Amino acid sequence: MLQSITTARSLLIGQGIELRRLSHVKILSRDPTTIEVAEGGYGVLFRFGVVVLFNVPALAEATFLQRLNGFVIEPFATPTVETLEIAVIPDAAERLEEGRLILPVAELSLLQVVADILAKSLVLDDYEQRAAGAFERIEPLAERMQSGGRLPRQANHLLAHIGEILQIQHRMVGRAQVGEKPAILWDHPELERIWQRLENEYEIGERQIALERKLDLISGTAETLLGLLQDRRTLRVEWYIVILIVIEIVLTLYELFFRHTP
């Protein structure tokens, strides 16, 4: 039985890629955007900042990423990289076995489906790390609120937390479309089975649900703290008004009973 080995490398290189501007490369497909990077090597690009390369030598990869840099939105200094070894064994059942993906063929459409899962898994990992960082930053504030301690006077960083969470939610739903099937399945419905199997193996759906719950918790906590700060400021303003009214009454009484006394 003939067997060939190829390597898939998924790289998160920035916040996004301007795919529509790509014109200096040989584009094999637009949905997903697939190009020929080297002889026998392909790259699948996603607008949420991930590139998945199949069987691309290191030198060709470095050259390609350098050429692509001008189309990357907020490029990262050091890309996040994950690799997957793929063994192509004719007539074999598609499966993940000891960290290796077994495929019966290495058709481009099948590699595009694999790239979709690898890209979503990588960007989910990035979102999970961002959410964990936001959770760690806001947790002390929640504990301070529970213990009755003093809350910070400035609301700017709470608004920053809320903005960060909204940004992650927007990118996850709007750009990455993590919970949606790739458009290629409309043209190749026979690939839906392998896509679902890979989605289950990488726990895409479960991770998305867990991330959404964490984001909702962080956002709710930040909004609650912000509401408390606003209430405290409102109460302080009301006290200022009461004090001013009292001062005005005292001055009026002084005018009536002391300054006009003969």
C-alpha atoms as a PDB file:
ATOM      1  CA  MET A   1       0.000   0.000   0.000  1.00  0.00           C
ATOM      2  CA  LEU A   2       1.435   3.352  -1.070  1.00  0.00           C
ATOM      3  CA  GLN A   3       1.683   6.003   1.591  1.00  0.00           C
ATOM      4  CA  SER A   4       2.750   9.641   1.502  1.00  0.00           C
ATOM      5  CA  ILE A   5       3.321  12.079   4.306  1.00  0.00           C
ATOM      6  CA  THR A   6       2.594  15.779   4.203  1.00  0.00           C
ATOM      7  CA  THR A   7       2.672  18.455   6.880  1.00  0.00           C
ATOM      8  CA  ALA A   8       0.037  21.063   7.632  1.00  0.00           C
ATOM      9  CA  ARG A   9       1.191  24.210   9.406  1.00  0.00           C
ATOM     10  CA  SER A  10      -1.441  26.650  10.639  1.00  0.00           C
ATOM     11  CA  LEU A  11      -0.138  30.117  11.489  1.00  0.00           C
ATOM     12  CA  LEU A  12      -1.988  32.967  13.180  1.00  0.00           C
ATOM     13  CA  ILE A  13      -0.099  35.909  11.693  1.00  0.00           C
ATOM     14  CA  GLY A  14      -2.299  38.897  12.585  1.00  0.00           C
ATOM     15  CA  GLN A  15      -5.752  40.212  13.378  1.00  0.00           C
ATOM     16  CA  GLY A  16      -6.847  39.760   9.778  1.00  0.00           C
ATOM     17  CA  ILE A  17      -5.825  39.367   6.139  1.00  0.00           C
ATOM     18  CA  GLU A  18      -7.130  41.569   3.333  1.00  0.00           C
ATOM     19  CA  LEU A  19      -7.879  38.756   0.930  1.00  0.00           C
ATOM     20  CA  ARG A  20      -9.557  40.916  -1.704  1.00  0.00           C
ATOM     21  CA  ARG A  21      -6.337  42.825  -2.309  1.00  0.00           C
ATOM     22  CA  LEU A  22      -4.380  39.692  -3.191  1.00  0.00           C
ATOM     23  CA  SER A  23      -3.443  39.850  -6.841  1.00  0.00           C
ATOM     24  CA  HIS A  24       0.245  38.940  -7.108  1.00  0.00           C
ATOM     25  CA  VAL A  25      -0.241  35.230  -6.385  1.00  0.00           C
ATOM     26  CA  LYS A  26      -1.758  32.320  -8.242  1.00  0.00           C
ATOM     27  CA  ILE A  27      -5.207  31.895  -6.718  1.00  0.00           C
ATOM     28  CA  LEU A  28      -6.669  28.430  -7.141  1.00  0.00           C
ATOM     29  CA  SER A  29      -9.881  29.070  -5.227  1.00  0.00           C
ATOM     30  CA  ARG A  30     -11.625  32.027  -3.617  1.00  0.00           C
ATOM     31  CA  ASP A  31     -13.808  30.307  -1.035  1.00  0.00           C
ATOM     32  CA  PRO A  32     -11.694  29.549   0.856  1.00  0.00           C
ATOM     33  CA  THR A  33      -8.858  31.547  -0.686  1.00  0.00           C
ATOM     34  CA  THR A  34      -6.331  28.936  -1.782  1.00  0.00           C
ATOM     35  CA  ILE A  35      -3.060  29.635  -3.556  1.00  0.00           C
ATOM     36  CA  GLU A  36      -0.089  27.685  -4.826  1.00  0.00           C
ATOM     37  CA  VAL A  37       2.875  28.623  -2.626  1.00  0.00           C
ATOM     38  CA  ALA A  38       5.436  26.203  -4.020  1.00  0.00           C
ATOM     39  CA  GLU A  39       5.472  23.242  -6.362  1.00  0.00           C
ATOM     40  CA  GLY A  40       3.123  20.756  -4.748  1.00  0.00           C
ATOM     41  CA  GLY A  41       2.614  23.080  -1.788  1.00  0.00           C
ATOM     42  CA  TYR A  42      -0.567  25.018  -1.050  1.00  0.00           C
ATOM     43  CA  GLY A  43      -1.717  27.749   1.260  1.00  0.00           C
ATOM     44  CA  VAL A  44      -5.277  28.342   2.470  1.00  0.00           C
ATOM     45  CA  LEU A  45      -5.846  31.875   3.745  1.00  0.00           C
ATOM     46  CA  PHE A  46      -8.573  33.069   6.087  1.00  0.00           C
ATOM     47  CA  ARG A  47      -9.591  36.661   6.660  1.00  0.00           C
ATOM     48  CA  PHE A  48      -9.382  36.286  10.444  1.00  0.00           C
ATOM     49  CA  GLY A  49      -5.587  36.155  10.215  1.00  0.00           C
ATOM     50  CA  VAL A  50      -4.773  32.460   9.791  1.00  0.00           C
ATOM     51  CA  VAL A  51      -2.764  30.810   7.021  1.00  0.00           C
ATOM     52  CA  VAL A  52      -2.711  27.025   6.689  1.00  0.00           C
ATOM     53  CA  LEU A  53       0.166  25.654   4.625  1.00  0.00           C
ATOM     54  CA  PHE A  54       0.357  22.145   3.201  1.00  0.00           C
ATOM     55  CA  ASN A  55       3.681  20.631   2.210  1.00  0.00           C
ATOM     56  CA  VAL A  56       5.467  23.986   1.942  1.00  0.00           C
ATOM     57  CA  PRO A  57       9.251  23.967   2.589  1.00  0.00           C
ATOM     58  CA  ALA A  58      10.620  26.294   5.246  1.00  0.00           C
ATOM     59  CA  LEU A  59      12.330  28.646   2.793  1.00  0.00           C
ATOM     60  CA  ALA A  60       9.250  28.943   0.600  1.00  0.00           C
ATOM     61  CA  GLU A  61       7.143  29.548   3.715  1.00  0.00           C
ATOM     62  CA  ALA A  62       9.375  32.390   4.910  1.00  0.00           C
ATOM     63  CA  THR A  63       9.370  34.009   1.460  1.00  0.00           C
ATOM     64  CA  PHE A  64       5.610  33.707   1.146  1.00  0.00           C
ATOM     65  CA  LEU A  65       4.908  35.176   4.598  1.00  0.00           C
ATOM     66  CA  GLN A  66       7.184  38.105   3.839  1.00  0.00           C
ATOM     67  CA  ARG A  67       5.297  38.825   0.625  1.00  0.00           C
ATOM     68  CA  LEU A  68       1.987  38.463   2.435  1.00  0.00           C
ATOM     69  CA  ASN A  69       2.917  40.855   5.244  1.00  0.00           C
ATOM     70  CA  GLY A  70       1.623  43.930   3.393  1.00  0.00           C
ATOM     71  CA  PHE A  71      -1.885  42.458   3.375  1.00  0.00           C
ATOM     72  CA  VAL A  72      -1.987  41.527   7.072  1.00  0.00           C
ATOM     73  CA  ILE A  73      -3.998  43.664   9.495  1.00  0.00           C
ATOM     74  CA  GLU A  74      -2.075  44.320  12.728  1.00  0.00           C
ATOM     75  CA  PRO A  75       0.549  41.614  12.098  1.00  0.00           C
ATOM     76  CA  PHE A  76       1.969  39.787  15.101  1.00  0.00           C
ATOM     77  CA  ALA A  77       5.685  39.994  15.797  1.00  0.00           C
ATOM     78  CA  THR A  78       5.740  36.242  16.361  1.00  0.00           C
ATOM     79  CA  PRO A  79       3.011  34.125  14.720  1.00  0.00           C
ATOM     80  CA  THR A  80       1.300  31.378  16.678  1.00  0.00           C
ATOM     81  CA  VAL A  81       2.013  28.068  14.940  1.00  0.00           C
ATOM     82  CA  GLU A  82       0.481  24.603  15.146  1.00  0.00           C
ATOM     83  CA  THR A  83       1.510  21.639  13.020  1.00  0.00           C
ATOM     84  CA  LEU A  84      -0.266  18.467  11.978  1.00  0.00           C
ATOM     85  CA  GLU A  85       1.202  15.507  10.161  1.00  0.00           C
ATOM     86  CA  ILE A  86      -1.015  14.042   7.467  1.00  0.00           C
ATOM     87  CA  ALA A  87      -0.587  10.524   6.135  1.00  0.00           C
ATOM     88  CA  VAL A  88      -2.249   9.806   2.809  1.00  0.00           C
ATOM     89  CA  ILE A  89      -3.118   6.094   2.647  1.00  0.00           C
ATOM     90  CA  PRO A  90      -5.354   4.937  -0.231  1.00  0.00           C
ATOM     91  CA  ASP A  91      -8.690   3.401   0.847  1.00  0.00           C
ATOM     92  CA  ALA A  92      -8.017   4.265   4.518  1.00  0.00           C
ATOM     93  CA  ALA A  93     -10.766   5.690   6.716  1.00  0.00           C
ATOM     94  CA  GLU A  94     -10.368   9.322   7.702  1.00  0.00           C
ATOM     95  CA  ARG A  95      -9.282   9.538  11.306  1.00  0.00           C
ATOM     96  CA  LEU A  96      -6.922  11.115  13.801  1.00  0.00           C
ATOM     97  CA  GLU A  97      -4.518   8.538  15.131  1.00  0.00           C
ATOM     98  CA  GLU A  98      -1.794   9.374  17.654  1.00  0.00           C
ATOM     99  CA  GLY A  99      -1.703  12.995  16.558  1.00  0.00           C
ATOM    100  CA  ARG A 100      -1.591  12.115  12.852  1.00  0.00           C
ATOM    101  CA  LEU A 101      -4.439  12.697  10.422  1.00  0.00           C
ATOM    102  CA  ILE A 102      -5.100   9.744   8.118  1.00  0.00           C
ATOM    103  CA  LEU A 103      -6.683  10.587   4.764  1.00  0.00           C
ATOM    104  CA  PRO A 104      -7.439   8.359   1.771  1.00  0.00           C
ATOM    105  CA  VAL A 105      -6.521  11.061  -0.755  1.00  0.00           C
ATOM    106  CA  ALA A 106      -4.918  14.493  -0.760  1.00  0.00           C
ATOM    107  CA  GLU A 107      -7.376  16.279  -3.014  1.00  0.00           C
ATOM    108  CA  LEU A 108      -7.382  20.063  -2.759  1.00  0.00           C
ATOM    109  CA  SER A 109     -11.021  20.253  -1.644  1.00  0.00           C
ATOM    110  CA  LEU A 110     -10.304  17.822   1.189  1.00  0.00           C
ATOM    111  CA  LEU A 111      -7.266  19.827   2.278  1.00  0.00           C
ATOM    112  CA  GLN A 112      -9.438  22.952   2.310  1.00  0.00           C
ATOM    113  CA  VAL A 113     -11.829  21.267   4.730  1.00  0.00           C
ATOM    114  CA  VAL A 114      -8.910  20.273   6.945  1.00  0.00           C
ATOM    115  CA  ALA A 115      -7.606  23.850   6.765  1.00  0.00           C
ATOM    116  CA  ASP A 116     -10.980  25.208   7.906  1.00  0.00           C
ATOM    117  CA  ILE A 117     -10.868  23.145  11.098  1.00  0.00           C
ATOM    118  CA  LEU A 118      -7.201  23.838  11.797  1.00  0.00           C
ATOM    119  CA  ALA A 119      -7.707  27.583  11.312  1.00  0.00           C
ATOM    120  CA  LYS A 120     -10.757  27.730  13.589  1.00  0.00           C
ATOM    121  CA  SER A 121      -8.995  25.668  16.236  1.00  0.00           C
ATOM    122  CA  LEU A 122      -6.002  28.003  16.194  1.00  0.00           C
ATOM    123  CA  VAL A 123      -8.031  31.214  16.373  1.00  0.00           C
ATOM    124  CA  LEU A 124     -10.196  29.707  19.124  1.00  0.00           C
ATOM    125  CA  ASP A 125      -7.031  29.011  21.089  1.00  0.00           C
ATOM    126  CA  ASP A 126      -6.056  32.676  20.709  1.00  0.00           C
ATOM    127  CA  TYR A 127      -9.507  33.844  21.845  1.00  0.00           C
ATOM    128  CA  GLU A 128      -9.405  31.445  24.791  1.00  0.00           C
ATOM    129  CA  GLN A 129      -6.078  32.889  25.932  1.00  0.00           C
ATOM    130  CA  ARG A 130      -7.366  36.453  25.567  1.00  0.00           C
ATOM    131  CA  ALA A 131     -10.507  35.616  27.539  1.00  0.00           C
ATOM    132  CA  ALA A 132      -8.436  33.935  30.250  1.00  0.00           C
ATOM    133  CA  GLY A 133      -6.301  37.072  30.537  1.00  0.00           C
ATOM    134  CA  ALA A 134      -9.372  39.299  30.781  1.00  0.00           C
ATOM    135  CA  PHE A 135     -10.853  36.972  33.403  1.00  0.00           C
ATOM    136  CA  GLU A 136      -7.695  37.139  35.508  1.00  0.00           C
ATOM    137  CA  ARG A 137      -7.702  40.935  35.368  1.00  0.00           C
ATOM    138  CA  ILE A 138     -11.336  41.340  36.342  1.00  0.00           C
ATOM    139  CA  GLU A 139     -11.515  38.561  38.965  1.00  0.00           C
ATOM    140  CA  PRO A 140      -9.854  40.666  41.730  1.00  0.00           C
ATOM    141  CA  LEU A 141     -12.459  43.375  41.185  1.00  0.00           C
ATOM    142  CA  ALA A 142     -15.269  40.839  41.554  1.00  0.00           C
ATOM    143  CA  GLU A 143     -13.696  39.509  44.774  1.00  0.00           C
ATOM    144  CA  ARG A 144     -13.377  43.065  46.097  1.00  0.00           C
ATOM    145  CA  MET A 145     -17.038  43.647  45.317  1.00  0.00           C
ATOM    146  CA  GLN A 146     -18.016  40.428  47.123  1.00  0.00           C
ATOM    147  CA  SER A 147     -16.036  41.324  50.241  1.00  0.00           C
ATOM    148  CA  GLY A 148     -17.442  44.823  50.362  1.00  0.00           C
ATOM    149  CA  GLY A 149     -14.099  46.436  49.614  1.00  0.00           C
ATOM    150  CA  ARG A 150     -13.604  49.713  47.845  1.00  0.00           C
ATOM    151  CA  LEU A 151     -13.997  49.684  44.107  1.00  0.00           C
ATOM    152  CA  PRO A 152     -11.599  51.562  41.847  1.00  0.00           C
ATOM    153  CA  ARG A 153     -12.530  55.157  41.211  1.00  0.00           C
ATOM    154  CA  GLN A 154     -11.850  55.072  37.484  1.00  0.00           C
ATOM    155  CA  ALA A 155     -14.242  53.307  35.112  1.00  0.00           C
ATOM    156  CA  ASN A 156     -11.922  53.482  32.107  1.00  0.00           C
ATOM    157  CA  HIS A 157     -10.365  50.082  32.624  1.00  0.00           C
ATOM    158  CA  LEU A 158     -13.806  48.497  33.146  1.00  0.00           C
ATOM    159  CA  LEU A 159     -14.917  49.970  29.836  1.00  0.00           C
ATOM    160  CA  ALA A 160     -11.702  48.577  28.320  1.00  0.00           C
ATOM    161  CA  HIS A 161     -12.614  45.088  29.605  1.00  0.00           C
ATOM    162  CA  ILE A 162     -16.088  45.346  28.087  1.00  0.00           C
ATOM    163  CA  GLY A 163     -14.619  46.599  24.808  1.00  0.00           C
ATOM    164  CA  GLU A 164     -12.106  43.753  24.722  1.00  0.00           C
ATOM    165  CA  ILE A 165     -14.843  41.158  25.205  1.00  0.00           C
ATOM    166  CA  LEU A 166     -17.064  42.733  22.548  1.00  0.00           C
ATOM    167  CA  GLN A 167     -14.114  42.722  20.173  1.00  0.00           C
ATOM    168  CA  ILE A 168     -13.481  39.006  20.731  1.00  0.00           C
ATOM    169  CA  GLN A 169     -17.177  38.220  20.236  1.00  0.00           C
ATOM    170  CA  HIS A 170     -17.283  40.275  17.033  1.00  0.00           C
ATOM    171  CA  ARG A 171     -14.211  38.567  15.600  1.00  0.00           C
ATOM    172  CA  MET A 172     -15.370  35.096  16.612  1.00  0.00           C
ATOM    173  CA  VAL A 173     -18.814  35.487  15.052  1.00  0.00           C
ATOM    174  CA  GLY A 174     -18.215  38.037  12.299  1.00  0.00           C
ATOM    175  CA  ARG A 175     -14.772  37.181  10.983  1.00  0.00           C
ATOM    176  CA  ALA A 176     -13.992  33.627  11.989  1.00  0.00           C
ATOM    177  CA  GLN A 177     -17.610  32.376  11.825  1.00  0.00           C
ATOM    178  CA  VAL A 178     -16.542  29.614  14.175  1.00  0.00           C
ATOM    179  CA  GLY A 179     -20.004  28.115  14.519  1.00  0.00           C
ATOM    180  CA  GLU A 180     -20.728  27.907  10.788  1.00  0.00           C
ATOM    181  CA  LYS A 181     -19.954  25.292   8.181  1.00  0.00           C
ATOM    182  CA  PRO A 182     -17.499  26.294   5.439  1.00  0.00           C
ATOM    183  CA  ALA A 183     -18.933  27.306   2.089  1.00  0.00           C
ATOM    184  CA  ILE A 184     -16.958  24.566   0.334  1.00  0.00           C
ATOM    185  CA  LEU A 185     -19.383  21.969   1.729  1.00  0.00           C
ATOM    186  CA  TRP A 186     -22.097  23.379  -0.506  1.00  0.00           C
ATOM    187  CA  ASP A 187     -20.080  22.350  -3.554  1.00  0.00           C
ATOM    188  CA  HIS A 188     -18.714  19.179  -1.970  1.00  0.00           C
ATOM    189  CA  PRO A 189     -21.424  17.738   0.317  1.00  0.00           C
ATOM    190  CA  GLU A 190     -19.559  14.415   0.365  1.00  0.00           C
ATOM    191  CA  LEU A 191     -16.902  16.103   2.543  1.00  0.00           C
ATOM    192  CA  GLU A 192     -19.318  17.012   5.325  1.00  0.00           C
ATOM    193  CA  ARG A 193     -18.699  13.724   7.115  1.00  0.00           C
ATOM    194  CA  ILE A 194     -14.941  14.303   7.433  1.00  0.00           C
ATOM    195  CA  TRP A 195     -15.577  17.936   8.403  1.00  0.00           C
ATOM    196  CA  GLN A 196     -17.913  16.880  11.206  1.00  0.00           C
ATOM    197  CA  ARG A 197     -15.450  14.245  12.366  1.00  0.00           C
ATOM    198  CA  LEU A 198     -12.631  16.763  12.531  1.00  0.00           C
ATOM    199  CA  GLU A 199     -14.881  19.317  14.221  1.00  0.00           C
ATOM    200  CA  ASN A 200     -15.654  16.754  16.902  1.00  0.00           C
ATOM    201  CA  GLU A 201     -12.003  15.743  17.254  1.00  0.00           C
ATOM    202  CA  TYR A 202     -10.942  19.363  17.777  1.00  0.00           C
ATOM    203  CA  GLU A 203     -14.029  20.067  19.912  1.00  0.00           C
ATOM    204  CA  ILE A 204     -14.804  23.234  17.977  1.00  0.00           C
ATOM    205  CA  GLY A 205     -18.441  23.439  19.065  1.00  0.00           C
ATOM    206  CA  GLU A 206     -17.762  22.659  22.723  1.00  0.00           C
ATOM    207  CA  ARG A 207     -14.908  25.158  22.903  1.00  0.00           C
ATOM    208  CA  GLN A 208     -17.030  27.837  21.299  1.00  0.00           C
ATOM    209  CA  ILE A 209     -19.850  27.322  23.822  1.00  0.00           C
ATOM    210  CA  ALA A 210     -17.418  27.350  26.757  1.00  0.00           C
ATOM    211  CA  LEU A 211     -15.742  30.504  25.427  1.00  0.00           C
ATOM    212  CA  GLU A 212     -19.068  32.266  24.930  1.00  0.00           C
ATOM    213  CA  ARG A 213     -20.072  31.451  28.518  1.00  0.00           C
ATOM    214  CA  LYS A 214     -16.794  32.807  29.853  1.00  0.00           C
ATOM    215  CA  LEU A 215     -17.130  35.951  27.744  1.00  0.00           C
ATOM    216  CA  ASP A 216     -20.695  36.475  28.979  1.00  0.00           C
ATOM    217  CA  LEU A 217     -19.529  36.073  32.588  1.00  0.00           C
ATOM    218  CA  ILE A 218     -16.681  38.544  32.162  1.00  0.00           C
ATOM    219  CA  SER A 219     -18.880  41.030  30.333  1.00  0.00           C
ATOM    220  CA  GLY A 220     -21.637  40.730  32.944  1.00  0.00           C
ATOM    221  CA  THR A 221     -19.178  41.220  35.798  1.00  0.00           C
ATOM    222  CA  ALA A 222     -17.640  44.277  34.161  1.00  0.00           C
ATOM    223  CA  GLU A 223     -21.042  45.787  33.443  1.00  0.00           C
ATOM    224  CA  THR A 224     -22.157  45.176  37.042  1.00  0.00           C
ATOM    225  CA  LEU A 225     -19.043  46.845  38.420  1.00  0.00           C
ATOM    226  CA  LEU A 226     -19.489  49.740  36.020  1.00  0.00           C
ATOM    227  CA  GLY A 227     -23.090  50.113  37.152  1.00  0.00           C
ATOM    228  CA  LEU A 228     -22.001  50.203  40.797  1.00  0.00           C
ATOM    229  CA  LEU A 229     -19.439  52.877  40.021  1.00  0.00           C
ATOM    230  CA  GLN A 230     -22.031  54.943  38.205  1.00  0.00           C
ATOM    231  CA  ASP A 231     -24.488  54.536  41.102  1.00  0.00           C
ATOM    232  CA  ARG A 232     -21.780  55.620  43.527  1.00  0.00           C
ATOM    233  CA  ARG A 233     -21.054  58.682  41.437  1.00  0.00           C
ATOM    234  CA  THR A 234     -24.763  59.492  41.197  1.00  0.00           C
ATOM    235  CA  LEU A 235     -25.113  59.186  44.976  1.00  0.00           C
ATOM    236  CA  ARG A 236     -22.072  61.414  45.475  1.00  0.00           C
ATOM    237  CA  VAL A 237     -23.550  64.064  43.169  1.00  0.00           C
ATOM    238  CA  GLU A 238     -26.837  63.909  45.079  1.00  0.00           C
ATOM    239  CA  TRP A 239     -24.974  64.466  48.329  1.00  0.00           C
ATOM    240  CA  TYR A 240     -23.169  67.432  46.802  1.00  0.00           C
ATOM    241  CA  ILE A 241     -26.522  68.893  45.795  1.00  0.00           C
ATOM    242  CA  VAL A 242     -27.925  68.366  49.301  1.00  0.00           C
ATOM    243  CA  ILE A 243     -24.867  70.020  50.850  1.00  0.00           C
ATOM    244  CA  LEU A 244     -25.176  72.988  48.511  1.00  0.00           C
ATOM    245  CA  ILE A 245     -28.860  73.350  49.369  1.00  0.00           C
ATOM    246  CA  VAL A 246     -28.045  73.254  53.083  1.00  0.00           C
ATOM    247  CA  ILE A 247     -25.322  75.886  52.626  1.00  0.00           C
ATOM    248  CA  GLU A 248     -27.739  78.073  50.681  1.00  0.00           C
ATOM    249  CA  ILE A 249     -30.352  77.759  53.442  1.00  0.00           C
ATOM    250  CA  VAL A 250     -27.785  78.624  56.107  1.00  0.00           C
ATOM    251  CA  LEU A 251     -26.666  81.700  54.167  1.00  0.00           C
ATOM    252  CA  THR A 252     -30.262  82.772  53.667  1.00  0.00           C
ATOM    253  CA  LEU A 253     -30.988  82.427  57.367  1.00  0.00           C
ATOM    254  CA  TYR A 254     -27.849  84.352  58.160  1.00  0.00           C
ATOM    255  CA  GLU A 255     -28.993  87.143  55.857  1.00  0.00           C
ATOM    256  CA  LEU A 256     -32.432  87.220  57.483  1.00  0.00           C
ATOM    257  CA  PHE A 257     -31.534  86.995  61.166  1.00  0.00           C
ATOM    258  CA  PHE A 258     -28.076  88.437  61.573  1.00  0.00           C
ATOM    259  CA  ARG A 259     -27.201  90.972  58.901  1.00  0.00           C
ATOM    260  CA  HIS A 260     -30.506  92.831  59.316  1.00  0.00           C
ATOM    261  CA  THR A 261     -30.408  92.790  63.088  1.00  0.00           C
ATOM    262  CA  PRO A 262     -30.100  96.461  64.350  1.00  0.00           C
END
